[in-house]
Amino acid sequence: MSRAVVIIPTYNERENIRTTIEAVMKQADLVGEWQLHVLVVDDTSPDGTAAEVEQIQKREKRVHLLINPTKAGLGAAYLKGMEYAFGLLKADVIFEFDADLSHDPTKIPALLKKIDAGYDMALGSRYIKGGGIPQDWGLHRKFLSVVGNIVIMVVFTDFRIRDWTSGYRAITKRVYDAVHKELTGERFTGYTFQIGFLYQTVRKGFNVAEVPFVFVDRVHGHSKLGPEYIKNNLLYIFKMRYLEIINNRIFKFAAVGGTGAMVQLVSLYLWRLFLPYQVAFFASIESAVVSNFILNNVWTFSDRKLDRKSLPSKFIQFNLASSGSILIQQAIALVGEFVIGLHPLFTLPFTSILIDTGHLYAVVGILVGMFWNFFAYTKFIWKAGKPTSRK
């Protein structure tokens, strides 16, 4: 039988833990071929939570206890519990589950059905049809949850998942193996862990399903959400989005292209001080080519960086590959010069630099040529290596 381990992190949950474990274990006969276990990860609760779990263990062998010597936080507790569950307990799937029964245990079979259907992770979702949050939540709590999820979807530009902050999850071992090493450091000890884990899961291409459930507020104890919840989560999502953008190859290519465009326009102005327009135009293009080759090699295609021996031959190939862009730009410049002509447009503020229609033709040619360049560079100069075949 496949084994699912429900991980319940605790800190001062003695009043809730027995009821929670009993409610979870009632689902053991409703999960088909799955064998259901519970793992309590206790952060050395001073209220005797661990002792209460030990009493339960005397009559229920499928309940396990892991004690952290110090209070480590939610994320750290889950990571330690996952390592223990997938390792010593030989779990195929683990659940994240609150100790206060805020998560509906009767949804465990439905979440496992999603895993059986081939999904890598299944989320208990409050924000799809059939889900919900407590009506008596304060406005600030509703704002944090509802608006917080909207902000995450907008920043990540990913609307496929409706409940990014849900802490009710079924996670396969393959997801854990691929993701957990990305969640190291103090940032992931708290609630940011939930967003970070899901973010890495989605970005690595795993399939995620959502199952509706109605979140229930705790009866005993108090919520452990603090002001750091907002600050840390906002810092994380904006940082990850920023890194996504600047590490995107198309963004890098565009940035290098923009730099090359500035090099071309500035050098065009300089070359035209003592060369005819067409000669100066060609010289400015070659100046931009040199700039683009260097920047693309060290930044845009840093993962495919050329070795020193291949640089001369690749630079020649780069020039040849860029010839399509050069021809495009030359053609646009020629058509512009002979059809419309070279006419002054304006002088740059606070300078004596005159901008004329020749510069406009250059801008149009640059934009059109960039489309060709990206194709040529990725297919010929910084070509991706062939994937290693798997036997």
Protein backbone atom coordinates (compact mmCIF):
# COMPACT_ATOMS: atom_id res chain seq x y z
CA MET A 1 0.00 0.00 0.00
CA SER A 2 1.08 3.59 -0.61
CA ARG A 3 1.69 5.58 2.54
CA ALA A 4 0.47 9.10 3.30
CA VAL A 5 1.75 10.91 6.38
CA VAL A 6 -0.18 13.87 7.76
CA ILE A 7 2.36 16.28 9.27
CA ILE A 8 1.01 18.44 12.08
CA PRO A 9 3.39 21.11 13.44
CA THR A 10 2.58 22.13 17.00
CA TYR A 11 3.45 24.73 19.57
CA ASN A 12 1.19 24.90 22.63
CA GLU A 13 -1.59 22.86 21.04
CA ARG A 14 -2.32 20.45 23.92
CA GLU A 15 -6.00 21.44 23.95
CA ASN A 16 -6.41 20.70 20.24
CA ILE A 17 -4.03 17.89 19.36
CA ARG A 18 -6.04 14.86 20.56
CA THR A 19 -9.20 15.96 18.78
CA THR A 20 -7.23 16.74 15.64
CA ILE A 21 -5.43 13.40 15.53
CA GLU A 22 -8.65 11.49 16.12
CA ALA A 23 -10.40 13.41 13.35
CA VAL A 24 -7.57 12.69 10.91
CA MET A 25 -7.38 8.99 11.75
CA LYS A 26 -11.12 8.62 11.12
CA GLN A 27 -10.24 9.07 7.45
CA ALA A 28 -7.93 6.05 7.47
CA ASP A 29 -10.69 3.71 6.25
CA LEU A 30 -11.82 6.14 3.53
CA VAL A 31 -8.61 6.58 1.55
CA GLY A 32 -8.68 3.42 -0.55
CA GLU A 33 -5.27 1.82 -1.02
CA TRP A 34 -3.53 4.47 1.03
CA GLN A 35 -2.14 3.79 4.50
CA LEU A 36 -2.66 6.89 6.64
CA HIS A 37 -0.22 7.97 9.39
CA VAL A 38 0.15 11.10 11.51
CA LEU A 39 3.43 12.80 12.37
CA VAL A 40 3.36 15.53 15.03
CA VAL A 41 6.36 17.88 14.89
CA ASP A 42 6.42 19.69 18.22
CA ASP A 43 8.58 22.75 18.88
CA THR A 44 9.07 21.72 22.54
CA SER A 45 5.74 23.18 23.63
CA PRO A 46 5.80 24.25 27.30
CA ASP A 47 2.12 23.28 27.68
CA GLY A 48 2.81 19.53 27.37
CA THR A 49 1.66 18.95 23.79
CA ALA A 50 4.31 16.27 23.25
CA ALA A 51 3.22 14.40 26.39
CA GLU A 52 -0.35 14.35 25.12
CA VAL A 53 0.81 12.86 21.82
CA GLU A 54 2.82 10.20 23.68
CA GLN A 55 -0.34 9.14 25.45
CA ILE A 56 -2.11 8.76 22.10
CA GLN A 57 0.79 6.71 20.74
CA LYS A 58 0.21 4.03 23.37
CA ARG A 59 -2.95 2.92 21.57
CA GLU A 60 -2.32 4.14 18.03
CA LYS A 61 0.87 2.94 16.36
CA ARG A 62 0.29 5.04 13.26
CA VAL A 63 0.90 8.23 15.26
CA HIS A 64 4.50 9.44 15.37
CA LEU A 65 6.20 12.24 17.29
CA LEU A 66 9.21 14.35 16.36
CA ILE A 67 10.41 16.95 18.85
CA ASN A 68 12.41 20.04 17.93
CA PRO A 69 14.72 21.03 20.79
CA THR A 70 13.95 24.72 20.19
CA LYS A 71 11.07 26.68 18.64
CA ALA A 72 12.06 26.74 14.97
CA GLY A 73 8.97 28.12 13.23
CA LEU A 74 6.37 26.68 10.86
CA GLY A 75 8.55 26.27 7.79
CA ALA A 76 11.41 24.67 9.67
CA ALA A 77 8.99 22.28 11.39
CA TYR A 78 7.47 21.21 8.08
CA LEU A 79 10.84 20.68 6.42
CA LYS A 80 12.08 18.60 9.33
CA GLY A 81 8.82 16.64 9.33
CA MET A 82 9.02 16.04 5.56
CA GLU A 83 12.57 14.75 5.84
CA TYR A 84 11.52 12.38 8.61
CA ALA A 85 8.33 11.26 6.84
CA PHE A 86 9.86 10.64 3.43
CA GLY A 87 12.94 9.08 5.03
CA LEU A 88 12.27 6.95 8.09
CA LEU A 89 8.51 6.59 7.62
CA LYS A 90 8.82 5.77 3.88
CA ALA A 91 6.00 8.11 2.91
CA ASP A 92 4.90 8.46 -0.71
CA VAL A 93 2.86 11.58 0.05
CA ILE A 94 2.78 13.98 2.98
CA PHE A 95 0.07 16.37 4.08
CA GLU A 96 0.49 19.78 5.63
CA PHE A 97 -2.21 20.09 8.26
CA ASP A 98 -3.04 22.57 11.03
CA ALA A 99 -3.21 21.35 14.62
CA ASP A 100 -6.39 23.30 15.39
CA LEU A 101 -8.71 21.60 12.85
CA SER A 102 -8.88 24.72 10.70
CA HIS A 103 -8.33 22.27 7.85
CA ASP A 104 -11.20 19.90 7.12
CA PRO A 105 -9.92 16.33 7.58
CA THR A 106 -12.80 14.93 5.52
CA LYS A 107 -11.09 16.42 2.44
CA ILE A 108 -8.07 14.11 2.82
CA PRO A 109 -9.59 11.42 0.55
CA ALA A 110 -10.40 14.03 -2.12
CA LEU A 111 -6.84 15.38 -2.04
CA LEU A 112 -5.43 11.86 -2.36
CA LYS A 113 -7.71 11.23 -5.33
CA LYS A 114 -6.00 14.13 -7.09
CA ILE A 115 -2.64 12.51 -6.40
CA ASP A 116 -3.98 9.20 -7.73
CA ALA A 117 -5.11 11.08 -10.84
CA GLY A 118 -1.51 12.07 -11.56
CA TYR A 119 -1.14 15.46 -9.91
CA ASP A 120 2.12 16.18 -8.09
CA MET A 121 0.53 18.39 -5.44
CA ALA A 122 -3.05 18.95 -4.29
CA LEU A 123 -4.14 22.07 -2.44
CA GLY A 124 -7.07 22.60 -0.13
CA SER A 125 -8.40 25.83 -1.61
CA ARG A 126 -10.60 28.45 0.02
CA TYR A 127 -11.00 30.52 -3.12
CA ILE A 128 -12.55 28.19 -5.65
CA LYS A 129 -16.21 27.17 -5.87
CA GLY A 130 -17.15 25.24 -2.75
CA GLY A 131 -14.42 26.77 -0.59
CA GLY A 132 -14.66 29.58 1.92
CA ILE A 133 -13.36 31.48 4.94
CA PRO A 134 -15.04 32.20 8.31
CA GLN A 135 -17.75 34.84 8.04
CA ASP A 136 -16.84 36.21 11.47
CA TRP A 137 -13.21 36.90 10.58
CA GLY A 138 -12.20 40.48 11.24
CA LEU A 139 -11.76 42.80 8.28
CA HIS A 140 -7.97 42.81 8.68
CA ARG A 141 -7.83 38.99 8.55
CA LYS A 142 -10.03 38.84 5.46
CA PHE A 143 -7.92 41.54 3.85
CA LEU A 144 -4.69 39.67 4.56
CA SER A 145 -6.04 36.47 3.07
CA VAL A 146 -8.14 37.61 0.11
CA VAL A 147 -6.12 40.61 -1.04
CA GLY A 148 -2.88 38.84 -0.22
CA ASN A 149 -3.71 36.06 -2.68
CA ILE A 150 -4.72 38.57 -5.34
CA VAL A 151 -1.41 40.42 -4.92
CA ILE A 152 0.54 37.17 -5.27
CA MET A 153 -1.34 36.19 -8.44
CA VAL A 154 -0.79 39.61 -9.98
CA VAL A 155 2.90 39.87 -9.07
CA PHE A 156 3.64 36.33 -10.27
CA THR A 157 1.27 36.83 -13.23
CA ASP A 158 -0.05 33.34 -12.53
CA PHE A 159 -3.81 32.99 -12.08
CA ARG A 160 -4.03 29.23 -12.43
CA ILE A 161 -3.85 28.78 -8.64
CA ARG A 162 -6.44 30.64 -6.58
CA ASP A 163 -5.13 29.99 -3.06
CA TRP A 164 -1.39 30.59 -2.89
CA THR A 165 -1.29 30.86 0.90
CA SER A 166 -3.24 27.71 1.72
CA GLY A 167 -1.51 25.58 4.34
CA TYR A 168 -3.58 22.48 3.54
CA ARG A 169 -1.63 20.43 1.02
CA ALA A 170 -0.84 16.93 -0.22
CA ILE A 171 2.73 16.79 -1.57
CA THR A 172 4.44 13.92 -3.40
CA LYS A 173 8.02 12.85 -2.76
CA ARG A 174 9.10 13.90 -6.24
CA VAL A 175 8.04 17.47 -5.49
CA TYR A 176 9.80 17.45 -2.12
CA ASP A 177 13.01 16.11 -3.68
CA ALA A 178 12.98 18.85 -6.33
CA VAL A 179 11.95 21.77 -4.12
CA HIS A 180 13.13 21.49 -0.52
CA LYS A 181 16.75 22.49 -1.17
CA GLU A 182 15.49 25.81 -2.56
CA LEU A 183 13.94 26.69 0.81
CA THR A 184 16.94 27.15 3.05
CA GLY A 185 17.67 30.10 5.30
CA GLU A 186 15.87 32.09 7.95
CA ARG A 187 13.36 33.55 5.44
CA PHE A 188 11.59 30.18 5.18
CA THR A 189 11.28 29.38 8.87
CA GLY A 190 7.90 31.13 9.07
CA TYR A 191 4.82 31.47 6.87
CA THR A 192 6.81 32.53 3.80
CA PHE A 193 7.62 28.84 3.55
CA GLN A 194 4.13 28.15 2.18
CA ILE A 195 4.38 30.64 -0.68
CA GLY A 196 7.98 29.70 -1.40
CA PHE A 197 7.26 25.97 -1.59
CA LEU A 198 4.31 26.45 -3.93
CA TYR A 199 6.19 28.99 -6.05
CA GLN A 200 9.10 26.59 -6.59
CA THR A 201 6.70 23.74 -7.30
CA VAL A 202 4.89 25.68 -10.02
CA ARG A 203 8.05 27.13 -11.58
CA LYS A 204 9.60 23.67 -11.83
CA GLY A 205 6.66 22.53 -13.91
CA PHE A 206 4.83 20.22 -11.50
CA ASN A 207 1.07 19.75 -11.84
CA VAL A 208 -0.99 21.29 -9.04
CA ALA A 209 -4.69 20.67 -8.38
CA GLU A 210 -7.08 22.44 -6.02
CA VAL A 211 -9.83 20.91 -3.90
CA PRO A 212 -12.36 23.24 -2.23
CA PHE A 213 -12.62 23.36 1.54
CA VAL A 214 -14.07 25.77 4.06
CA PHE A 215 -11.50 27.11 6.50
CA VAL A 216 -12.68 26.96 10.12
CA ASP A 217 -11.30 29.29 12.78
CA ARG A 218 -9.65 27.69 15.79
CA VAL A 219 -11.65 27.10 18.96
CA HIS A 220 -8.77 26.90 21.44
CA GLY A 221 -5.61 29.00 21.49
CA HIS A 222 -4.85 31.93 19.21
CA SER A 223 -3.58 32.57 15.72
CA LYS A 224 0.20 32.71 15.40
CA LEU A 225 0.16 35.18 12.51
CA GLY A 226 2.19 38.28 13.29
CA PRO A 227 3.20 41.55 11.56
CA GLU A 228 6.17 39.78 10.00
CA TYR A 229 3.69 37.74 7.93
CA ILE A 230 2.93 40.72 5.68
CA LYS A 231 6.45 42.11 5.49
CA ASN A 232 8.25 38.82 4.81
CA ASN A 233 5.73 37.63 2.23
CA LEU A 234 5.76 40.90 0.31
CA LEU A 235 9.55 41.00 0.30
CA TYR A 236 9.68 37.43 -0.96
CA ILE A 237 7.16 37.68 -3.80
CA PHE A 238 8.57 40.95 -5.16
CA LYS A 239 12.13 39.69 -4.90
CA MET A 240 11.31 36.46 -6.75
CA ARG A 241 9.45 38.33 -9.46
CA TYR A 242 12.35 40.77 -9.87
CA LEU A 243 14.81 37.87 -10.16
CA GLU A 244 12.53 36.17 -12.67
CA ILE A 245 12.51 39.24 -14.87
CA ILE A 246 16.21 40.06 -14.80
CA ASN A 247 17.19 36.42 -15.28
CA ASN A 248 14.86 35.94 -18.21
CA ARG A 249 16.88 35.47 -21.39
CA ILE A 250 14.56 37.61 -23.48
CA PHE A 251 14.83 40.44 -20.96
CA LYS A 252 18.62 40.16 -21.02
CA PHE A 253 18.64 40.09 -24.80
CA ALA A 254 16.40 43.16 -24.92
CA ALA A 255 18.62 44.97 -22.41
CA VAL A 256 21.73 44.14 -24.40
CA GLY A 257 19.93 45.15 -27.58
CA GLY A 258 18.98 48.45 -25.96
CA THR A 259 22.58 49.02 -24.96
CA GLY A 260 23.68 48.16 -28.48
CA ALA A 261 21.12 50.59 -29.85
CA MET A 262 22.57 53.40 -27.71
CA VAL A 263 26.08 52.44 -28.83
CA GLN A 264 24.91 52.52 -32.45
CA LEU A 265 23.12 55.86 -32.17
CA VAL A 266 25.98 57.56 -30.30
CA SER A 267 28.61 56.14 -32.63
CA LEU A 268 26.49 57.10 -35.65
CA TYR A 269 26.57 60.68 -34.50
CA LEU A 270 30.35 60.49 -33.96
CA TRP A 271 31.13 58.71 -37.23
CA ARG A 272 29.07 61.22 -39.20
CA LEU A 273 31.35 64.01 -38.04
CA PHE A 274 33.87 62.90 -40.67
CA LEU A 275 32.26 60.13 -42.79
CA PRO A 276 29.42 60.06 -45.36
CA TYR A 277 26.08 58.94 -43.92
CA GLN A 278 26.02 55.42 -45.40
CA VAL A 279 29.62 54.66 -44.36
CA ALA A 280 28.99 56.10 -40.91
CA PHE A 281 25.79 54.09 -40.64
CA PHE A 282 27.64 50.82 -41.38
CA ALA A 283 30.44 51.69 -38.95
CA SER A 284 27.92 52.40 -36.19
CA ILE A 285 26.26 49.03 -36.77
CA GLU A 286 29.59 47.22 -36.43
CA SER A 287 30.28 49.13 -33.21
CA ALA A 288 26.98 47.84 -31.83
CA VAL A 289 27.79 44.30 -33.02
CA VAL A 290 31.01 44.28 -31.00
CA SER A 291 29.17 45.55 -27.92
CA ASN A 292 26.37 43.01 -28.34
CA PHE A 293 28.75 40.09 -28.80
CA ILE A 294 30.59 40.83 -25.58
CA LEU A 295 27.48 41.47 -23.46
CA ASN A 296 25.52 38.51 -24.84
CA ASN A 297 28.40 36.17 -24.13
CA VAL A 298 28.98 37.26 -20.54
CA TRP A 299 25.33 37.88 -19.56
CA THR A 300 22.48 36.84 -21.88
CA PHE A 301 23.98 33.44 -22.65
CA SER A 302 26.15 33.09 -19.55
CA ASP A 303 24.93 29.49 -19.17
CA ARG A 304 26.34 28.78 -22.66
CA LYS A 305 29.38 31.05 -22.40
CA LEU A 306 31.92 30.56 -25.18
CA ASP A 307 35.41 29.36 -24.33
CA ARG A 308 38.42 31.45 -25.29
CA LYS A 309 39.48 29.21 -28.14
CA SER A 310 36.13 29.52 -29.88
CA LEU A 311 35.78 33.30 -29.43
CA PRO A 312 37.45 34.38 -32.74
CA SER A 313 35.51 31.91 -34.90
CA LYS A 314 32.27 32.59 -33.02
CA PHE A 315 32.77 36.34 -33.44
CA ILE A 316 33.02 35.81 -37.19
CA GLN A 317 29.87 33.66 -37.08
CA PHE A 318 28.23 36.34 -34.96
CA ASN A 319 28.94 38.94 -37.61
CA LEU A 320 27.62 36.63 -40.32
CA ALA A 321 24.51 35.83 -38.30
CA SER A 322 24.04 39.54 -37.67
CA SER A 323 24.28 40.26 -41.37
CA GLY A 324 20.57 39.65 -41.71
CA SER A 325 19.93 42.41 -39.20
CA ILE A 326 22.48 44.62 -40.90
CA LEU A 327 20.84 44.11 -44.28
CA ILE A 328 17.45 44.87 -42.76
CA GLN A 329 18.73 48.07 -41.18
CA GLN A 330 20.63 49.12 -44.30
CA ALA A 331 17.55 48.55 -46.44
CA ILE A 332 15.39 50.63 -44.12
CA ALA A 333 18.03 53.38 -44.02
CA LEU A 334 18.36 53.41 -47.82
CA VAL A 335 14.61 53.49 -48.40
CA GLY A 336 14.23 56.22 -45.81
CA GLU A 337 17.04 58.35 -47.22
CA PHE A 338 15.96 58.15 -50.86
CA VAL A 339 12.17 58.17 -50.37
CA ILE A 340 11.79 60.59 -47.48
CA GLY A 341 15.25 62.12 -47.29
CA LEU A 342 17.44 63.34 -44.44
CA HIS A 343 15.69 66.18 -42.64
CA PRO A 344 16.35 67.73 -39.24
CA LEU A 345 13.84 66.88 -36.52
CA PHE A 346 14.98 68.50 -33.26
CA THR A 347 17.99 69.34 -31.14
CA LEU A 348 18.46 67.47 -27.88
CA PRO A 349 17.69 69.71 -24.87
CA PHE A 350 20.72 71.40 -23.32
CA THR A 351 22.98 70.19 -26.19
CA SER A 352 23.82 71.11 -29.77
CA ILE A 353 23.17 67.54 -30.97
CA LEU A 354 20.83 67.56 -33.96
CA ILE A 355 18.48 64.59 -34.37
CA ASP A 356 17.32 64.04 -37.94
CA THR A 357 15.30 61.47 -39.88
CA GLY A 358 18.46 59.40 -40.33
CA HIS A 359 18.34 58.54 -36.65
CA LEU A 360 14.66 57.63 -36.97
CA TYR A 361 15.48 55.16 -39.76
CA ALA A 362 18.14 53.67 -37.52
CA VAL A 363 15.66 53.13 -34.65
CA VAL A 364 13.14 51.39 -36.91
CA GLY A 365 15.86 49.19 -38.39
CA ILE A 366 17.14 48.28 -34.92
CA LEU A 367 13.74 47.13 -33.72
CA VAL A 368 13.08 44.98 -36.78
CA GLY A 369 16.61 43.57 -36.74
CA MET A 370 16.34 42.53 -33.08
CA PHE A 371 13.74 39.86 -33.92
CA TRP A 372 16.12 38.29 -36.41
CA ASN A 373 19.06 38.56 -34.04
CA PHE A 374 17.46 36.61 -31.19
CA PHE A 375 16.63 33.74 -33.52
CA ALA A 376 20.09 33.70 -35.08
CA TYR A 377 22.00 33.94 -31.79
CA THR A 378 20.10 31.12 -30.09
CA LYS A 379 20.24 28.81 -33.11
CA PHE A 380 23.78 29.39 -34.35
CA ILE A 381 26.09 31.18 -31.91
CA TRP A 382 25.01 30.14 -28.41
CA LYS A 383 23.24 26.97 -29.46
CA ALA A 384 22.00 24.81 -26.59
CA GLY A 385 23.77 21.49 -26.22
CA LYS A 386 21.96 18.28 -27.03
CA PRO A 387 20.27 16.74 -23.99
CA THR A 388 21.87 13.63 -22.59
CA SER A 389 19.78 10.57 -23.38
CA ARG A 390 18.42 8.55 -20.47
CA LYS A 391 18.77 4.80 -20.61
